[in-house]
PDB file of all heavy atoms in Angstrom:
ATOM      1  N   ALA A   1      -9.473  19.644  17.862  1.00  0.00           N
ATOM      2  CA  ALA A   1     -10.212  19.265  16.632  1.00  0.00           C
ATOM      3  C   ALA A   1      -9.573  20.217  15.554  1.00  0.00           C
ATOM      4  O   ALA A   1      -9.339  19.927  14.393  1.00  0.00           O
ATOM      5  CB  ALA A   1     -11.624  19.460  16.682  1.00  0.00           C
ATOM      6  N   THR A   2      -9.302  21.578  15.939  1.00  0.00           N
ATOM      7  CA  THR A   2      -8.842  22.556  15.024  1.00  0.00           C
ATOM      8  C   THR A   2      -7.363  22.187  14.581  1.00  0.00           C
ATOM      9  O   THR A   2      -7.054  22.218  13.375  1.00  0.00           O
ATOM     10  CB  THR A   2      -8.863  23.941  15.607  1.00  0.00           C
ATOM     11  OG1 THR A   2     -10.277  24.225  15.976  1.00  0.00           O
ATOM     12  CG2 THR A   2      -8.231  24.950  14.762  1.00  0.00           C
ATOM     13  N   ILE A   3      -6.504  21.791  15.523  1.00  0.00           N
ATOM     14  CA  ILE A   3      -5.139  21.470  15.230  1.00  0.00           C
ATOM     15  C   ILE A   3      -5.178  20.358  14.270  1.00  0.00           C
ATOM     16  O   ILE A   3      -4.439  20.254  13.288  1.00  0.00           O
ATOM     17  CB  ILE A   3      -4.332  21.157  16.495  1.00  0.00           C
ATOM     18  CG1 ILE A   3      -4.160  22.401  17.298  1.00  0.00           C
ATOM     19  CG2 ILE A   3      -2.940  20.610  16.153  1.00  0.00           C
ATOM     20  CD1 ILE A   3      -3.728  22.137  18.755  1.00  0.00           C
ATOM     21  N   LEU A   4      -5.939  19.316  14.598  1.00  0.00           N
ATOM     22  CA  LEU A   4      -5.952  18.000  13.790  1.00  0.00           C
ATOM     23  C   LEU A   4      -6.454  18.252  12.364  1.00  0.00           C
ATOM     24  O   LEU A   4      -5.873  17.741  11.347  1.00  0.00           O
ATOM     25  CB  LEU A   4      -6.691  16.917  14.476  1.00  0.00           C
ATOM     26  CG  LEU A   4      -5.992  16.386  15.841  1.00  0.00           C
ATOM     27  CD1 LEU A   4      -7.019  15.647  16.630  1.00  0.00           C
ATOM     28  CD2 LEU A   4      -4.895  15.479  15.388  1.00  0.00           C
ATOM     29  N   ARG A   5      -7.511  19.068  12.151  1.00  0.00           N
ATOM     30  CA  ARG A   5      -8.017  19.401  10.929  1.00  0.00           C
ATOM     31  C   ARG A   5      -7.097  20.233  10.026  1.00  0.00           C
ATOM     32  O   ARG A   5      -7.008  19.993   8.895  1.00  0.00           O
ATOM     33  CB  ARG A   5      -9.415  19.867  10.964  1.00  0.00           C
ATOM     34  CG  ARG A   5      -9.524  21.386  11.415  1.00  0.00           C
ATOM     35  CD  ARG A   5      -9.662  22.346  10.218  1.00  0.00           C
ATOM     36  NE  ARG A   5     -10.702  22.307   9.490  1.00  0.00           N
ATOM     37  CZ  ARG A   5     -10.936  23.027   8.309  1.00  0.00           C
ATOM     38  NH1 ARG A   5      -9.982  23.877   8.074  1.00  0.00           N
ATOM     39  NH2 ARG A   5     -11.967  22.861   7.482  1.00  0.00           N
ATOM     40  N   GLU A   6      -6.424  21.076  10.747  1.00  0.00           N
ATOM     41  CA  GLU A   6      -5.453  22.018   9.991  1.00  0.00           C
ATOM     42  C   GLU A   6      -4.252  21.155   9.618  1.00  0.00           C
ATOM     43  O   GLU A   6      -3.650  21.324   8.535  1.00  0.00           O
ATOM     44  CB  GLU A   6      -5.069  23.260  10.709  1.00  0.00           C
ATOM     45  CG  GLU A   6      -6.248  24.155  10.921  1.00  0.00           C
ATOM     46  CD  GLU A   6      -6.832  24.857   9.695  1.00  0.00           C
ATOM     47  OE1 GLU A   6      -6.525  24.328   8.605  1.00  0.00           O
ATOM     48  OE2 GLU A   6      -7.456  25.946   9.826  1.00  0.00           O
ATOM     49  N   HIS A   7      -3.834  20.259  10.535  1.00  0.00           N
ATOM     50  CA  HIS A   7      -2.743  19.266  10.128  1.00  0.00           C
ATOM     51  C   HIS A   7      -3.112  18.493   8.909  1.00  0.00           C
ATOM     52  O   HIS A   7      -2.331  18.336   7.987  1.00  0.00           O
ATOM     53  CB  HIS A   7      -2.421  18.464  11.375  1.00  0.00           C
ATOM     54  CG  HIS A   7      -1.596  17.381  11.149  1.00  0.00           C
ATOM     55  ND1 HIS A   7      -1.853  16.042  10.719  1.00  0.00           N
ATOM     56  CD2 HIS A   7      -0.075  17.244  11.281  1.00  0.00           C
ATOM     57  CE1 HIS A   7      -0.833  15.162  10.646  1.00  0.00           C
ATOM     58  NE2 HIS A   7       0.108  15.871  10.874  1.00  0.00           N
ATOM     59  N   ARG A   8      -4.304  18.006   8.935  1.00  0.00           N
ATOM     60  CA  ARG A   8      -4.882  17.208   7.749  1.00  0.00           C
ATOM     61  C   ARG A   8      -4.824  18.097   6.582  1.00  0.00           C
ATOM     62  O   ARG A   8      -4.400  17.645   5.497  1.00  0.00           O
ATOM     63  CB  ARG A   8      -6.202  16.693   8.046  1.00  0.00           C
ATOM     64  CG  ARG A   8      -6.684  15.830   6.846  1.00  0.00           C
ATOM     65  CD  ARG A   8      -8.211  15.299   7.027  1.00  0.00           C
ATOM     66  NE  ARG A   8      -8.612  14.610   5.830  1.00  0.00           N
ATOM     67  CZ  ARG A   8      -8.423  13.315   5.772  1.00  0.00           C
ATOM     68  NH1 ARG A   8      -7.867  12.641   6.643  1.00  0.00           N
ATOM     69  NH2 ARG A   8      -8.889  12.725   4.544  1.00  0.00           N
ATOM     70  N   GLY A   9      -5.388  19.303   6.756  1.00  0.00           N
ATOM     71  CA  GLY A   9      -5.510  20.195   5.617  1.00  0.00           C
ATOM     72  C   GLY A   9      -4.121  20.546   4.936  1.00  0.00           C
ATOM     73  O   GLY A   9      -4.008  20.627   3.725  1.00  0.00           O
ATOM     74  N   ASP A  10      -3.078  20.834   5.792  1.00  0.00           N
ATOM     75  CA  ASP A  10      -1.848  21.056   5.198  1.00  0.00           C
ATOM     76  C   ASP A  10      -1.236  19.880   4.447  1.00  0.00           C
ATOM     77  O   ASP A  10      -0.630  20.029   3.487  1.00  0.00           O
ATOM     78  CB  ASP A  10      -0.886  21.433   6.462  1.00  0.00           C
ATOM     79  CG  ASP A  10      -1.062  22.800   7.052  1.00  0.00           C
ATOM     80  OD1 ASP A  10      -1.772  23.617   6.417  1.00  0.00           O
ATOM     81  OD2 ASP A  10      -0.789  22.962   8.185  1.00  0.00           O
ATOM     82  N   GLY A  11      -1.523  18.700   5.032  1.00  0.00           N
ATOM     83  CA  GLY A  11      -1.025  17.563   4.241  1.00  0.00           C
ATOM     84  C   GLY A  11      -1.874  17.316   2.918  1.00  0.00           C
ATOM     85  O   GLY A  11      -1.265  16.824   2.003  1.00  0.00           O
ATOM     86  N   HIS A  12      -3.134  17.655   2.925  1.00  0.00           N
ATOM     87  CA  HIS A  12      -3.848  17.595   1.664  1.00  0.00           C
ATOM     88  C   HIS A  12      -3.298  18.477   0.680  1.00  0.00           C
ATOM     89  O   HIS A  12      -3.189  18.130  -0.493  1.00  0.00           O
ATOM     90  CB  HIS A  12      -5.251  18.001   1.999  1.00  0.00           C
ATOM     91  CG  HIS A  12      -6.257  17.879   0.752  1.00  0.00           C
ATOM     92  ND1 HIS A  12      -6.653  16.714   0.265  1.00  0.00           N
ATOM     93  CD2 HIS A  12      -7.042  18.851   0.133  1.00  0.00           C
ATOM     94  CE1 HIS A  12      -7.357  16.864  -0.847  1.00  0.00           C
ATOM     95  NE2 HIS A  12      -7.675  18.136  -0.846  1.00  0.00           N
ATOM     96  N   ILE A  13      -2.864  19.648   1.052  1.00  0.00           N
ATOM     97  CA  ILE A  13      -2.214  20.582   0.031  1.00  0.00           C
ATOM     98  C   ILE A  13      -0.991  19.918  -0.523  1.00  0.00           C
ATOM     99  O   ILE A  13      -0.745  20.004  -1.671  1.00  0.00           O
ATOM    100  CB  ILE A  13      -1.840  21.916   0.677  1.00  0.00           C
ATOM    101  CG1 ILE A  13      -3.217  22.675   1.006  1.00  0.00           C
ATOM    102  CG2 ILE A  13      -1.147  22.813  -0.133  1.00  0.00           C
ATOM    103  CD1 ILE A  13      -3.010  23.912   1.838  1.00  0.00           C
ATOM    104  N   ALA A  14      -0.261  19.322   0.409  1.00  0.00           N
ATOM    105  CA  ALA A  14       0.999  18.619  -0.151  1.00  0.00           C
ATOM    106  C   ALA A  14       0.605  17.523  -1.153  1.00  0.00           C
ATOM    107  O   ALA A  14       1.262  17.343  -2.185  1.00  0.00           O
ATOM    108  CB  ALA A  14       1.741  17.989   0.966  1.00  0.00           C
ATOM    109  N   ALA A  15      -0.520  16.845  -0.840  1.00  0.00           N
ATOM    110  CA  ALA A  15      -0.888  15.760  -1.843  1.00  0.00           C
ATOM    111  C   ALA A  15      -1.433  16.344  -3.115  1.00  0.00           C
ATOM    112  O   ALA A  15      -1.127  15.737  -4.198  1.00  0.00           O
ATOM    113  CB  ALA A  15      -2.009  14.967  -1.220  1.00  0.00           C
ATOM    114  N   LEU A  16      -2.008  17.466  -3.071  1.00  0.00           N
ATOM    115  CA  LEU A  16      -2.506  18.234  -4.295  1.00  0.00           C
ATOM    116  C   LEU A  16      -1.150  18.725  -5.136  1.00  0.00           C
ATOM    117  O   LEU A  16      -1.300  18.557  -6.327  1.00  0.00           O
ATOM    118  CB  LEU A  16      -3.344  19.433  -4.043  1.00  0.00           C
ATOM    119  CG  LEU A  16      -4.765  19.069  -3.436  1.00  0.00           C
ATOM    120  CD1 LEU A  16      -5.391  20.368  -2.913  1.00  0.00           C
ATOM    121  CD2 LEU A  16      -5.593  18.426  -4.476  1.00  0.00           C
ATOM    122  N   LEU A  17      -0.179  19.112  -4.380  1.00  0.00           N
ATOM    123  CA  LEU A  17       0.926  19.587  -5.138  1.00  0.00           C
ATOM    124  C   LEU A  17       1.703  18.403  -5.895  1.00  0.00           C
ATOM    125  O   LEU A  17       2.079  18.549  -6.917  1.00  0.00           O
ATOM    126  CB  LEU A  17       1.979  20.272  -4.209  1.00  0.00           C
ATOM    127  CG  LEU A  17       1.455  21.637  -3.548  1.00  0.00           C
ATOM    128  CD1 LEU A  17       2.315  22.107  -2.510  1.00  0.00           C
ATOM    129  CD2 LEU A  17       1.550  22.751  -4.688  1.00  0.00           C
ATOM    130  N   VAL A  18       1.765  17.252  -5.138  1.00  0.00           N
ATOM    131  CA  VAL A  18       2.342  16.146  -5.750  1.00  0.00           C
ATOM    132  C   VAL A  18       1.573  15.624  -6.958  1.00  0.00           C
ATOM    133  O   VAL A  18       2.186  15.160  -8.051  1.00  0.00           O
ATOM    134  CB  VAL A  18       2.415  14.963  -4.777  1.00  0.00           C
ATOM    135  CG1 VAL A  18       2.877  13.697  -5.401  1.00  0.00           C
ATOM    136  CG2 VAL A  18       3.549  15.258  -3.675  1.00  0.00           C
ATOM    137  N   ALA A  19       0.235  15.847  -6.968  1.00  0.00           N
ATOM    138  CA  ALA A  19      -0.605  15.369  -7.990  1.00  0.00           C
ATOM    139  C   ALA A  19      -0.675  16.531  -9.178  1.00  0.00           C
ATOM    140  O   ALA A  19      -1.189  16.236 -10.224  1.00  0.00           O
ATOM    141  CB  ALA A  19      -2.056  15.264  -7.509  1.00  0.00           C
ATOM    142  N   GLY A  20       0.125  17.612  -9.021  1.00  0.00           N
ATOM    143  CA  GLY A  20       0.146  18.636 -10.030  1.00  0.00           C
ATOM    144  C   GLY A  20      -1.149  19.384 -10.261  1.00  0.00           C
ATOM    145  O   GLY A  20      -1.414  19.814 -11.322  1.00  0.00           O
ATOM    146  N   LEU A  21      -1.942  19.657  -9.206  1.00  0.00           N
ATOM    147  CA  LEU A  21      -3.075  20.187  -9.219  1.00  0.00           C
ATOM    148  C   LEU A  21      -2.997  21.617  -8.554  1.00  0.00           C
ATOM    149  O   LEU A  21      -2.768  21.673  -7.242  1.00  0.00           O
ATOM    150  CB  LEU A  21      -4.217  19.501  -8.419  1.00  0.00           C
ATOM    151  CG  LEU A  21      -4.639  18.147  -9.199  1.00  0.00           C
ATOM    152  CD1 LEU A  21      -5.557  17.344  -8.180  1.00  0.00           C
ATOM    153  CD2 LEU A  21      -5.225  18.326 -10.546  1.00  0.00           C
ATOM    154  N   ASP A  22      -3.059  22.755  -9.278  1.00  0.00           N
ATOM    155  CA  ASP A  22      -3.046  24.120  -8.752  1.00  0.00           C
ATOM    156  C   ASP A  22      -4.281  24.447  -8.031  1.00  0.00           C
ATOM    157  O   ASP A  22      -5.224  23.608  -7.985  1.00  0.00           O
ATOM    158  CB  ASP A  22      -2.669  25.085  -9.747  1.00  0.00           C
ATOM    159  CG  ASP A  22      -3.735  25.277 -10.775  1.00  0.00           C
ATOM    160  OD1 ASP A  22      -4.958  25.116 -10.443  1.00  0.00           O
ATOM    161  OD2 ASP A  22      -3.486  25.688 -11.947  1.00  0.00           O
ATOM    162  N   PRO A  23      -4.400  25.528  -7.338  1.00  0.00           N
ATOM    163  CA  PRO A  23      -5.626  25.766  -6.462  1.00  0.00           C
ATOM    164  C   PRO A  23      -6.890  25.635  -7.235  1.00  0.00           C
ATOM    165  O   PRO A  23      -7.804  24.997  -6.732  1.00  0.00           O
ATOM    166  CB  PRO A  23      -5.291  27.217  -5.990  1.00  0.00           C
ATOM    167  CG  PRO A  23      -3.832  27.264  -6.002  1.00  0.00           C
ATOM    168  CD  PRO A  23      -3.330  26.514  -7.060  1.00  0.00           C
ATOM    169  N   VAL A  24      -7.031  26.191  -8.423  1.00  0.00           N
ATOM    170  CA  VAL A  24      -8.304  26.290  -8.971  1.00  0.00           C
ATOM    171  C   VAL A  24      -8.522  24.797  -9.554  1.00  0.00           C
ATOM    172  O   VAL A  24      -9.642  24.268  -9.579  1.00  0.00           O
ATOM    173  CB  VAL A  24      -8.555  27.199 -10.009  1.00  0.00           C
ATOM    174  CG1 VAL A  24      -7.566  27.128 -11.259  1.00  0.00           C
ATOM    175  CG2 VAL A  24     -10.062  27.292 -10.566  1.00  0.00           C
ATOM    176  N   GLU A  25      -7.572  24.071 -10.087  1.00  0.00           N
ATOM    177  CA  GLU A  25      -7.657  22.825 -10.588  1.00  0.00           C
ATOM    178  C   GLU A  25      -8.048  21.812  -9.503  1.00  0.00           C
ATOM    179  O   GLU A  25      -8.718  20.788  -9.772  1.00  0.00           O
ATOM    180  CB  GLU A  25      -6.279  22.396 -11.225  1.00  0.00           C
ATOM    181  CG  GLU A  25      -5.950  23.086 -12.562  1.00  0.00           C
ATOM    182  CD  GLU A  25      -4.420  22.787 -13.009  1.00  0.00           C
ATOM    183  OE1 GLU A  25      -3.813  22.107 -12.209  1.00  0.00           O
ATOM    184  OE2 GLU A  25      -4.205  23.265 -14.074  1.00  0.00           O
ATOM    185  N   SER A  26      -7.584  22.021  -8.347  1.00  0.00           N
ATOM    186  CA  SER A  26      -7.911  21.127  -7.197  1.00  0.00           C
ATOM    187  C   SER A  26      -9.501  21.142  -7.098  1.00  0.00           C
ATOM    188  O   SER A  26     -10.070  20.071  -6.786  1.00  0.00           O
ATOM    189  CB  SER A  26      -7.259  21.546  -6.004  1.00  0.00           C
ATOM    190  OG  SER A  26      -7.771  22.728  -5.452  1.00  0.00           O
ATOM    191  N   LEU A  27     -10.134  22.277  -7.263  1.00  0.00           N
ATOM    192  CA  LEU A  27     -11.556  22.403  -7.009  1.00  0.00           C
ATOM    193  C   LEU A  27     -12.283  21.780  -8.238  1.00  0.00           C
ATOM    194  O   LEU A  27     -13.299  21.107  -8.030  1.00  0.00           O
ATOM    195  CB  LEU A  27     -11.967  23.901  -6.905  1.00  0.00           C
ATOM    196  CG  LEU A  27     -11.376  24.605  -5.720  1.00  0.00           C
ATOM    197  CD1 LEU A  27     -11.966  25.988  -5.578  1.00  0.00           C
ATOM    198  CD2 LEU A  27     -11.773  23.848  -4.348  1.00  0.00           C
ATOM    199  N   VAL A  28     -11.826  22.153  -9.398  1.00  0.00           N
ATOM    200  CA  VAL A  28     -12.415  21.598 -10.679  1.00  0.00           C
ATOM    201  C   VAL A  28     -12.402  20.162 -10.679  1.00  0.00           C
ATOM    202  O   VAL A  28     -13.454  19.419 -10.969  1.00  0.00           O
ATOM    203  CB  VAL A  28     -11.799  22.249 -11.960  1.00  0.00           C
ATOM    204  CG1 VAL A  28     -12.308  21.607 -13.235  1.00  0.00           C
ATOM    205  CG2 VAL A  28     -11.939  23.766 -11.963  1.00  0.00           C
ATOM    206  N   SER A  29     -11.254  19.541 -10.361  1.00  0.00           N
ATOM    207  CA  SER A  29     -11.083  18.094 -10.442  1.00  0.00           C
ATOM    208  C   SER A  29     -11.949  17.497  -9.348  1.00  0.00           C
ATOM    209  O   SER A  29     -12.511  16.323  -9.425  1.00  0.00           O
ATOM    210  CB  SER A  29      -9.685  17.677 -10.204  1.00  0.00           C
ATOM    211  OG  SER A  29      -9.118  18.022  -8.933  1.00  0.00           O
ATOM    212  N   PHE A  30     -12.158  18.003  -8.184  1.00  0.00           N
ATOM    213  CA  PHE A  30     -12.900  17.607  -7.066  1.00  0.00           C
ATOM    214  C   PHE A  30     -14.402  17.612  -7.511  1.00  0.00           C
ATOM    215  O   PHE A  30     -15.226  16.732  -7.165  1.00  0.00           O
ATOM    216  CB  PHE A  30     -12.636  18.312  -5.854  1.00  0.00           C
ATOM    217  CG  PHE A  30     -12.799  17.501  -4.574  1.00  0.00           C
ATOM    218  CD1 PHE A  30     -12.536  16.186  -4.515  1.00  0.00           C
ATOM    219  CD2 PHE A  30     -13.025  18.205  -3.392  1.00  0.00           C
ATOM    220  CE1 PHE A  30     -12.668  15.501  -3.271  1.00  0.00           C
ATOM    221  CE2 PHE A  30     -13.141  17.374  -2.170  1.00  0.00           C
ATOM    222  CZ  PHE A  30     -12.883  16.074  -2.203  1.00  0.00           C
ATOM    223  N   ALA A  31     -14.857  18.698  -8.068  1.00  0.00           N
ATOM    224  CA  ALA A  31     -16.190  18.782  -8.547  1.00  0.00           C
ATOM    225  C   ALA A  31     -16.539  17.814  -9.581  1.00  0.00           C
ATOM    226  O   ALA A  31     -17.668  17.290  -9.605  1.00  0.00           O
ATOM    227  CB  ALA A  31     -16.566  20.165  -9.144  1.00  0.00           C
ATOM    228  N   ALA A  32     -15.521  17.515 -10.362  1.00  0.00           N
ATOM    229  CA  ALA A  32     -15.732  16.445 -11.498  1.00  0.00           C
ATOM    230  C   ALA A  32     -16.002  15.092 -11.024  1.00  0.00           C
ATOM    231  O   ALA A  32     -16.543  14.247 -11.761  1.00  0.00           O
ATOM    232  CB  ALA A  32     -14.511  16.562 -12.406  1.00  0.00           C
ATOM    233  N   ILE A  33     -15.676  14.646  -9.713  1.00  0.00           N
ATOM    234  CA  ILE A  33     -15.893  13.417  -9.261  1.00  0.00           C
ATOM    235  C   ILE A  33     -17.039  13.430  -8.419  1.00  0.00           C
ATOM    236  O   ILE A  33     -17.425  12.445  -7.746  1.00  0.00           O
ATOM    237  CB  ILE A  33     -14.722  12.829  -8.513  1.00  0.00           C
ATOM    238  CG1 ILE A  33     -14.346  13.624  -7.283  1.00  0.00           C
ATOM    239  CG2 ILE A  33     -13.446  12.696  -9.382  1.00  0.00           C
ATOM    240  CD1 ILE A  33     -13.338  12.812  -6.294  1.00  0.00           C
ATOM    241  N   GLY A  34     -17.791  14.655  -8.214  1.00  0.00           N
ATOM    242  CA  GLY A  34     -19.033  14.671  -7.566  1.00  0.00           C
ATOM    243  C   GLY A  34     -18.910  14.935  -6.050  1.00  0.00           C
ATOM    244  O   GLY A  34     -19.789  14.788  -5.220  1.00  0.00           O
ATOM    245  N   ALA A  35     -17.794  15.433  -5.721  1.00  0.00           N
ATOM    246  CA  ALA A  35     -17.565  15.778  -4.221  1.00  0.00           C
ATOM    247  C   ALA A  35     -18.564  16.860  -3.783  1.00  0.00           C
ATOM    248  O   ALA A  35     -18.947  16.899  -2.520  1.00  0.00           O
ATOM    249  CB  ALA A  35     -16.117  16.340  -4.024  1.00  0.00           C
ATOM    250  N   ALA A  36     -18.848  17.801  -4.656  1.00  0.00           N
ATOM    251  CA  ALA A  36     -19.882  18.911  -4.362  1.00  0.00           C
ATOM    252  C   ALA A  36     -20.274  19.469  -5.664  1.00  0.00           C
ATOM    253  O   ALA A  36     -19.496  19.286  -6.713  1.00  0.00           O
ATOM    254  CB  ALA A  36     -19.443  19.834  -3.371  1.00  0.00           C
ATOM    255  N   SER A  37     -21.260  20.329  -5.670  1.00  0.00           N
ATOM    256  CA  SER A  37     -21.629  20.913  -6.906  1.00  0.00           C
ATOM    257  C   SER A  37     -20.690  21.994  -7.276  1.00  0.00           C
ATOM    258  O   SER A  37     -19.970  22.523  -6.432  1.00  0.00           O
ATOM    259  CB  SER A  37     -23.120  21.623  -6.697  1.00  0.00           C
ATOM    260  OG  SER A  37     -22.998  22.651  -5.810  1.00  0.00           O
ATOM    261  N   VAL A  38     -20.767  22.293  -8.613  1.00  0.00           N
ATOM    262  CA  VAL A  38     -19.837  23.479  -9.039  1.00  0.00           C
ATOM    263  C   VAL A  38     -20.279  24.806  -8.351  1.00  0.00           C
ATOM    264  O   VAL A  38     -19.402  25.598  -8.043  1.00  0.00           O
ATOM    265  CB  VAL A  38     -20.006  23.599 -10.619  1.00  0.00           C
ATOM    266  CG1 VAL A  38     -19.307  24.933 -10.992  1.00  0.00           C
ATOM    267  CG2 VAL A  38     -19.444  22.326 -11.319  1.00  0.00           C
ATOM    268  N   GLU A  39     -21.559  24.908  -8.153  1.00  0.00           N
ATOM    269  CA  GLU A  39     -22.059  26.177  -7.463  1.00  0.00           C
ATOM    270  C   GLU A  39     -21.480  26.288  -6.058  1.00  0.00           C
ATOM    271  O   GLU A  39     -21.090  27.463  -5.642  1.00  0.00           O
ATOM    272  CB  GLU A  39     -23.478  26.186  -7.397  1.00  0.00           C
ATOM    273  CG  GLU A  39     -24.208  26.377  -8.695  1.00  0.00           C
ATOM    274  CD  GLU A  39     -24.190  25.142  -9.539  1.00  0.00           C
ATOM    275  OE1 GLU A  39     -23.954  23.971  -9.012  1.00  0.00           O
ATOM    276  OE2 GLU A  39     -24.342  25.141 -10.784  1.00  0.00           O
ATOM    277  N   ARG A  40     -21.295  25.301  -5.346  1.00  0.00           N
ATOM    278  CA  ARG A  40     -20.707  25.250  -4.006  1.00  0.00           C
ATOM    279  C   ARG A  40     -19.114  25.538  -4.059  1.00  0.00           C
ATOM    280  O   ARG A  40     -18.715  26.406  -3.319  1.00  0.00           O
ATOM    281  CB  ARG A  40     -20.798  23.838  -3.387  1.00  0.00           C
ATOM    282  CG  ARG A  40     -20.152  23.755  -2.021  1.00  0.00           C
ATOM    283  CD  ARG A  40     -20.713  24.811  -1.002  1.00  0.00           C
ATOM    284  NE  ARG A  40     -22.134  24.503  -0.719  1.00  0.00           N
ATOM    285  CZ  ARG A  40     -22.779  25.219   0.171  1.00  0.00           C
ATOM    286  NH1 ARG A  40     -22.192  26.269   0.746  1.00  0.00           N
ATOM    287  NH2 ARG A  40     -24.021  25.007   0.376  1.00  0.00           N
ATOM    288  N   PHE A  41     -18.497  25.059  -5.217  1.00  0.00           N
ATOM    289  CA  PHE A  41     -17.073  25.299  -5.259  1.00  0.00           C
ATOM    290  C   PHE A  41     -16.832  26.793  -5.772  1.00  0.00           C
ATOM    291  O   PHE A  41     -15.841  27.465  -5.521  1.00  0.00           O
ATOM    292  CB  PHE A  41     -16.334  24.482  -6.243  1.00  0.00           C
ATOM    293  CG  PHE A  41     -16.161  23.038  -5.614  1.00  0.00           C
ATOM    294  CD1 PHE A  41     -16.837  21.909  -6.118  1.00  0.00           C
ATOM    295  CD2 PHE A  41     -15.236  22.915  -4.598  1.00  0.00           C
ATOM    296  CE1 PHE A  41     -16.605  20.741  -5.511  1.00  0.00           C
ATOM    297  CE2 PHE A  41     -15.067  21.712  -4.070  1.00  0.00           C
ATOM    298  CZ  PHE A  41     -15.721  20.646  -4.497  1.00  0.00           C
ATOM    299  N   GLU A  42     -17.923  27.411  -6.383  1.00  0.00           N
ATOM    300  CA  GLU A  42     -17.804  28.820  -6.899  1.00  0.00           C
ATOM    301  C   GLU A  42     -17.685  29.809  -5.701  1.00  0.00           C
ATOM    302  O   GLU A  42     -17.199  30.951  -5.790  1.00  0.00           O
ATOM    303  CB  GLU A  42     -19.011  29.214  -7.753  1.00  0.00           C
ATOM    304  CG  GLU A  42     -18.954  28.555  -9.083  1.00  0.00           C
ATOM    305  CD  GLU A  42     -20.230  28.904  -9.927  1.00  0.00           C
ATOM    306  OE1 GLU A  42     -21.183  29.255  -9.256  1.00  0.00           O
ATOM    307  OE2 GLU A  42     -20.111  28.604 -11.120  1.00  0.00           O
ATOM    308  N   SER A  43     -17.920  29.370  -4.502  1.00  0.00           N
ATOM    309  CA  SER A  43     -17.889  30.228  -3.297  1.00  0.00           C
ATOM    310  C   SER A  43     -16.354  30.532  -2.988  1.00  0.00           C
ATOM    311  O   SER A  43     -16.136  31.395  -2.124  1.00  0.00           O
ATOM    312  CB  SER A  43     -18.430  29.481  -2.125  1.00  0.00           C
ATOM    313  OG  SER A  43     -17.796  28.329  -1.688  1.00  0.00           O
ATOM    314  N   ARG A  44     -15.494  29.810  -3.652  1.00  0.00           N
ATOM    315  CA  ARG A  44     -14.119  30.064  -3.411  1.00  0.00           C
ATOM    316  C   ARG A  44     -13.460  31.224  -4.221  1.00  0.00           C
ATOM    317  O   ARG A  44     -12.280  31.578  -4.102  1.00  0.00           O
ATOM    318  CB  ARG A  44     -13.239  28.776  -3.683  1.00  0.00           C
ATOM    319  CG  ARG A  44     -13.561  27.656  -2.730  1.00  0.00           C
ATOM    320  CD  ARG A  44     -13.256  27.943  -1.352  1.00  0.00           C
ATOM    321  NE  ARG A  44     -13.640  26.956  -0.369  1.00  0.00           N
ATOM    322  CZ  ARG A  44     -12.877  26.149   0.322  1.00  0.00           C
ATOM    323  NH1 ARG A  44     -11.595  26.057   0.081  1.00  0.00           N
ATOM    324  NH2 ARG A  44     -13.404  25.213   1.096  1.00  0.00           N
ATOM    325  N   GLY A  45     -14.324  31.910  -5.008  1.00  0.00           N
ATOM    326  CA  GLY A  45     -13.978  33.163  -5.544  1.00  0.00           C
ATOM    327  C   GLY A  45     -13.344  33.111  -6.946  1.00  0.00           C
ATOM    328  O   GLY A  45     -12.881  34.189  -7.381  1.00  0.00           O
TER     329      GLY A  45
END
């Protein structure tokens, strides 16, 4: 499960890069579609 989820996560980063979303933009844009609350994303520092 760990290998498969990290494989997916690495691919997700590639998709974010193609979309032109930097690390903080990836969170802001995800919060903006209701994936989770802004407060939850603030845990990323």
